[in-house]
Amino acid sequence: MARLRFIALAILGFLGLIISGCTEESAQARGFVLPEGNVSRGEIAFINLQCQQCHTVSGVTLPADETMRDGPVLVQLGGPVTNIKTYGDLVTSIIHPSHDLRGPRDEVANPDGTSIMTDYNSVMTVQQMVDIVSFLQPKYDFIPYVYPVP
C-alpha cells in the first residue's frame, strides 16, 4: 500500500513538473518548425514586397522601381557579421521587427522605439517569409570577433 502511494505521488509530481513547464515563455520556440524555403522564390518575394526600398542585400543587385522611397537605404542585410544570424533571428526580424532594436537608431526607429519597418504579417504568406529567410540567410558571413590582446 505504501508503495502504491509512493508511485501515485511520484506520478503526480512528474505531471506537476510537466504542467509547470508549459508556460507561455517556454512554449515560444519549442517544437516550432517551418517548411523549407526556396532561395529563388525568396528573392522574388523580397522584390515583390518592395523590401529593397529600405534594404540592400550583400552581393545581390536588386531592381529599383517607380515606388522607391526617397533617401538612402536604411539597413544592409547579409555581409560580414560578428554574431550569427540564425533562421530564428531572421524570422523574428520579419514578423516582429521591433524585437531587437537597441540603442539610438533614429533612422530605423519611431520616437517610441518601435521599428519603422512596415508590418507585413497580414500581407506576406508564410511561404513567402520562409522563402525570404532562405534567400537571406546564406548572405551572412560570420566573422568571429577577435578580442584584442592587452
C-alpha atoms as a PDB file:
ATOM      1  CA  MET A   1       0.000   0.000   0.000  1.00  0.00           C
ATOM      2  CA  ALA A   2       2.806   2.402   0.866  1.00  0.00           C
ATOM      3  CA  ARG A   3       4.467   1.525  -2.431  1.00  0.00           C
ATOM      4  CA  LEU A   4       1.300   2.418  -4.411  1.00  0.00           C
ATOM      5  CA  ARG A   5       1.030   5.710  -2.531  1.00  0.00           C
ATOM      6  CA  PHE A   6       4.693   6.468  -3.374  1.00  0.00           C
ATOM      7  CA  ILE A   7       4.116   5.675  -7.075  1.00  0.00           C
ATOM      8  CA  ALA A   8       0.960   7.822  -7.169  1.00  0.00           C
ATOM      9  CA  LEU A   9       2.805  10.755  -5.547  1.00  0.00           C
ATOM     10  CA  ALA A  10       5.721  10.328  -7.960  1.00  0.00           C
ATOM     11  CA  ILE A  11       3.371  10.389 -10.948  1.00  0.00           C
ATOM     12  CA  LEU A  12       1.559  13.470  -9.630  1.00  0.00           C
ATOM     13  CA  GLY A  13       4.893  15.208  -9.024  1.00  0.00           C
ATOM     14  CA  PHE A  14       6.059  14.361 -12.549  1.00  0.00           C
ATOM     15  CA  LEU A  15       2.803  15.673 -14.033  1.00  0.00           C
ATOM     16  CA  GLY A  16       3.172  18.848 -11.968  1.00  0.00           C
ATOM     17  CA  LEU A  17       6.648  19.403 -13.407  1.00  0.00           C
ATOM     18  CA  ILE A  18       5.363  18.898 -16.940  1.00  0.00           C
ATOM     19  CA  ILE A  19       2.452  21.297 -16.453  1.00  0.00           C
ATOM     20  CA  SER A  20       4.637  23.950 -14.802  1.00  0.00           C
ATOM     21  CA  GLY A  21       6.996  23.817 -17.784  1.00  0.00           C
ATOM     22  CA  CYS A  22       4.174  24.754 -20.161  1.00  0.00           C
ATOM     23  CA  THR A  23       4.349  28.478 -19.659  1.00  0.00           C
ATOM     24  CA  GLU A  24       3.889  30.974 -22.472  1.00  0.00           C
ATOM     25  CA  GLU A  25       7.585  31.899 -22.353  1.00  0.00           C
ATOM     26  CA  SER A  26       8.858  28.336 -22.640  1.00  0.00           C
ATOM     27  CA  ALA A  27       6.440  27.454 -25.456  1.00  0.00           C
ATOM     28  CA  GLN A  28       7.515  30.247 -27.801  1.00  0.00           C
ATOM     29  CA  ALA A  29      10.005  28.254 -29.893  1.00  0.00           C
ATOM     30  CA  ARG A  30       9.957  24.684 -28.644  1.00  0.00           C
ATOM     31  CA  GLY A  31       8.777  22.350 -31.379  1.00  0.00           C
ATOM     32  CA  PHE A  32       8.262  25.193 -33.837  1.00  0.00           C
ATOM     33  CA  VAL A  33       9.285  24.111 -37.338  1.00  0.00           C
ATOM     34  CA  LEU A  34       8.561  25.952 -40.564  1.00  0.00           C
ATOM     35  CA  PRO A  35       8.511  24.379 -44.031  1.00  0.00           C
ATOM     36  CA  GLU A  36      11.586  24.564 -46.231  1.00  0.00           C
ATOM     37  CA  GLY A  37      12.080  27.727 -48.220  1.00  0.00           C
ATOM     38  CA  ASN A  38      13.300  28.327 -51.738  1.00  0.00           C
ATOM     39  CA  VAL A  39      16.107  30.829 -52.393  1.00  0.00           C
ATOM     40  CA  SER A  40      14.899  31.869 -55.872  1.00  0.00           C
ATOM     41  CA  ARG A  41      11.324  32.370 -54.726  1.00  0.00           C
ATOM     42  CA  GLY A  42      12.686  34.271 -51.715  1.00  0.00           C
ATOM     43  CA  GLU A  43      14.465  36.798 -53.914  1.00  0.00           C
ATOM     44  CA  ILE A  44      11.297  37.241 -55.985  1.00  0.00           C
ATOM     45  CA  ALA A  45       9.176  37.719 -52.830  1.00  0.00           C
ATOM     46  CA  PHE A  46      11.749  40.201 -51.446  1.00  0.00           C
ATOM     47  CA  ILE A  47      11.403  42.255 -54.639  1.00  0.00           C
ATOM     48  CA  ASN A  48       7.617  41.869 -54.946  1.00  0.00           C
ATOM     49  CA  LEU A  49       7.121  43.045 -51.360  1.00  0.00           C
ATOM     50  CA  GLN A  50       9.420  46.004 -52.169  1.00  0.00           C
ATOM     51  CA  CYS A  51      11.851  45.215 -49.351  1.00  0.00           C
ATOM     52  CA  GLN A  52      14.630  46.835 -51.424  1.00  0.00           C
ATOM     53  CA  GLN A  53      13.100  50.232 -50.637  1.00  0.00           C
ATOM     54  CA  CYS A  54      14.777  50.071 -47.228  1.00  0.00           C
ATOM     55  CA  HIS A  55      17.198  47.151 -47.531  1.00  0.00           C
ATOM     56  CA  THR A  56      20.177  46.115 -49.584  1.00  0.00           C
ATOM     57  CA  VAL A  57      21.391  42.517 -49.662  1.00  0.00           C
ATOM     58  CA  SER A  58      25.106  41.810 -49.685  1.00  0.00           C
ATOM     59  CA  GLY A  59      26.245  40.525 -53.073  1.00  0.00           C
ATOM     60  CA  VAL A  60      22.841  40.975 -54.750  1.00  0.00           C
ATOM     61  CA  THR A  61      21.803  43.693 -57.195  1.00  0.00           C
ATOM     62  CA  LEU A  62      18.136  44.423 -56.653  1.00  0.00           C
ATOM     63  CA  PRO A  63      15.998  46.361 -59.130  1.00  0.00           C
ATOM     64  CA  ALA A  64      14.602  49.785 -58.324  1.00  0.00           C
ATOM     65  CA  ASP A  65      11.022  50.603 -59.240  1.00  0.00           C
ATOM     66  CA  GLU A  66       8.822  53.664 -59.563  1.00  0.00           C
ATOM     67  CA  THR A  67       7.600  53.358 -55.968  1.00  0.00           C
ATOM     68  CA  MET A  68      11.087  53.614 -54.408  1.00  0.00           C
ATOM     69  CA  ARG A  69      11.105  55.991 -51.459  1.00  0.00           C
ATOM     70  CA  ASP A  70      13.458  58.970 -51.344  1.00  0.00           C
ATOM     71  CA  GLY A  71      16.573  58.763 -49.229  1.00  0.00           C
ATOM     72  CA  PRO A  72      19.269  56.236 -48.501  1.00  0.00           C
ATOM     73  CA  VAL A  73      18.728  52.522 -47.999  1.00  0.00           C
ATOM     74  CA  LEU A  74      18.465  52.082 -44.253  1.00  0.00           C
ATOM     75  CA  VAL A  75      19.521  48.520 -43.457  1.00  0.00           C
ATOM     76  CA  GLN A  76      22.146  46.303 -45.090  1.00  0.00           C
ATOM     77  CA  LEU A  77      21.241  42.608 -44.905  1.00  0.00           C
ATOM     78  CA  GLY A  78      23.934  39.989 -45.187  1.00  0.00           C
ATOM     79  CA  GLY A  79      27.654  40.568 -45.353  1.00  0.00           C
ATOM     80  CA  PRO A  80      30.154  40.119 -42.555  1.00  0.00           C
ATOM     81  CA  VAL A  81      28.668  39.932 -39.052  1.00  0.00           C
ATOM     82  CA  THR A  82      30.198  39.151 -35.666  1.00  0.00           C
ATOM     83  CA  ASN A  83      27.052  37.445 -34.382  1.00  0.00           C
ATOM     84  CA  ILE A  84      25.449  34.513 -36.170  1.00  0.00           C
ATOM     85  CA  LYS A  85      22.110  35.272 -37.834  1.00  0.00           C
ATOM     86  CA  THR A  86      20.103  32.124 -37.213  1.00  0.00           C
ATOM     87  CA  TYR A  87      16.967  31.109 -39.042  1.00  0.00           C
ATOM     88  CA  GLY A  88      15.003  32.093 -35.941  1.00  0.00           C
ATOM     89  CA  ASP A  89      16.697  35.516 -35.788  1.00  0.00           C
ATOM     90  CA  LEU A  90      15.680  36.272 -39.360  1.00  0.00           C
ATOM     91  CA  VAL A  91      12.108  35.012 -38.939  1.00  0.00           C
ATOM     92  CA  THR A  92      11.747  37.119 -35.787  1.00  0.00           C
ATOM     93  CA  SER A  93      13.156  40.191 -37.545  1.00  0.00           C
ATOM     94  CA  ILE A  94      10.492  39.865 -40.230  1.00  0.00           C
ATOM     95  CA  ILE A  95       7.453  39.137 -38.070  1.00  0.00           C
ATOM     96  CA  HIS A  96       8.481  41.321 -35.100  1.00  0.00           C
ATOM     97  CA  PRO A  97      10.995  43.922 -36.346  1.00  0.00           C
ATOM     98  CA  SER A  98      10.956  45.922 -33.105  1.00  0.00           C
ATOM     99  CA  HIS A  99      12.174  42.903 -31.134  1.00  0.00           C
ATOM    100  CA  ASP A 100      15.901  43.576 -31.389  1.00  0.00           C
ATOM    101  CA  LEU A 101      16.169  47.356 -31.629  1.00  0.00           C
ATOM    102  CA  ARG A 102      18.792  48.613 -29.213  1.00  0.00           C
ATOM    103  CA  GLY A 103      20.424  51.951 -28.688  1.00  0.00           C
ATOM    104  CA  PRO A 104      19.960  55.172 -30.646  1.00  0.00           C
ATOM    105  CA  ARG A 105      18.647  54.061 -34.031  1.00  0.00           C
ATOM    106  CA  ASP A 106      16.795  57.169 -35.178  1.00  0.00           C
ATOM    107  CA  GLU A 107      16.982  56.132 -38.813  1.00  0.00           C
ATOM    108  CA  VAL A 108      15.131  52.830 -38.238  1.00  0.00           C
ATOM    109  CA  ALA A 109      13.034  53.531 -35.130  1.00  0.00           C
ATOM    110  CA  ASN A 110       9.968  55.590 -34.366  1.00  0.00           C
ATOM    111  CA  PRO A 111      10.094  58.010 -31.410  1.00  0.00           C
ATOM    112  CA  ASP A 112       8.517  55.292 -29.230  1.00  0.00           C
ATOM    113  CA  GLY A 113      11.403  52.905 -30.040  1.00  0.00           C
ATOM    114  CA  THR A 114       9.440  50.637 -32.367  1.00  0.00           C
ATOM    115  CA  SER A 115      10.730  49.750 -35.808  1.00  0.00           C
ATOM    116  CA  ILE A 116       9.723  51.854 -38.796  1.00  0.00           C
ATOM    117  CA  MET A 117       9.548  48.644 -40.836  1.00  0.00           C
ATOM    118  CA  THR A 118       6.117  48.047 -42.314  1.00  0.00           C
ATOM    119  CA  ASP A 119       4.128  45.294 -40.607  1.00  0.00           C
ATOM    120  CA  TYR A 120       3.952  42.548 -43.223  1.00  0.00           C
ATOM    121  CA  ASN A 121       2.214  39.980 -41.023  1.00  0.00           C
ATOM    122  CA  SER A 122      -1.162  40.440 -42.717  1.00  0.00           C
ATOM    123  CA  VAL A 123       0.297  40.810 -46.211  1.00  0.00           C
ATOM    124  CA  MET A 124       3.045  38.201 -46.507  1.00  0.00           C
ATOM    125  CA  THR A 125       2.288  34.498 -46.687  1.00  0.00           C
ATOM    126  CA  VAL A 126       4.188  32.047 -44.505  1.00  0.00           C
ATOM    127  CA  GLN A 127       5.708  30.571 -47.665  1.00  0.00           C
ATOM    128  CA  GLN A 128       6.971  33.997 -48.747  1.00  0.00           C
ATOM    129  CA  MET A 129       8.516  34.516 -45.318  1.00  0.00           C
ATOM    130  CA  VAL A 130      10.359  31.182 -45.270  1.00  0.00           C
ATOM    131  CA  ASP A 131      11.491  31.766 -48.862  1.00  0.00           C
ATOM    132  CA  ILE A 132      12.837  35.231 -47.957  1.00  0.00           C
ATOM    133  CA  VAL A 133      14.670  33.786 -44.951  1.00  0.00           C
ATOM    134  CA  SER A 134      16.131  31.076 -47.204  1.00  0.00           C
ATOM    135  CA  PHE A 135      17.248  33.813 -49.611  1.00  0.00           C
ATOM    136  CA  LEU A 136      18.816  35.984 -46.886  1.00  0.00           C
ATOM    137  CA  GLN A 137      20.442  33.509 -44.502  1.00  0.00           C
ATOM    138  CA  PRO A 138      23.293  32.389 -46.792  1.00  0.00           C
ATOM    139  CA  LYS A 139      24.165  36.050 -47.471  1.00  0.00           C
ATOM    140  CA  TYR A 140      25.566  36.465 -43.945  1.00  0.00           C
ATOM    141  CA  ASP A 141      29.277  35.834 -43.464  1.00  0.00           C
ATOM    142  CA  PHE A 142      30.053  35.093 -39.821  1.00  0.00           C
ATOM    143  CA  ILE A 143      33.355  36.631 -38.760  1.00  0.00           C
ATOM    144  CA  PRO A 144      34.179  35.768 -35.127  1.00  0.00           C
ATOM    145  CA  TYR A 145      35.066  38.836 -33.108  1.00  0.00           C
ATOM    146  CA  VAL A 146      38.748  38.767 -32.161  1.00  0.00           C
ATOM    147  CA  TYR A 147      39.292  40.329 -28.787  1.00  0.00           C
ATOM    148  CA  PRO A 148      42.408  42.484 -28.645  1.00  0.00           C
ATOM    149  CA  VAL A 149      45.161  41.031 -26.527  1.00  0.00           C
ATOM    150  CA  PRO A 150      46.440  43.594 -23.993  1.00  0.00           C
END
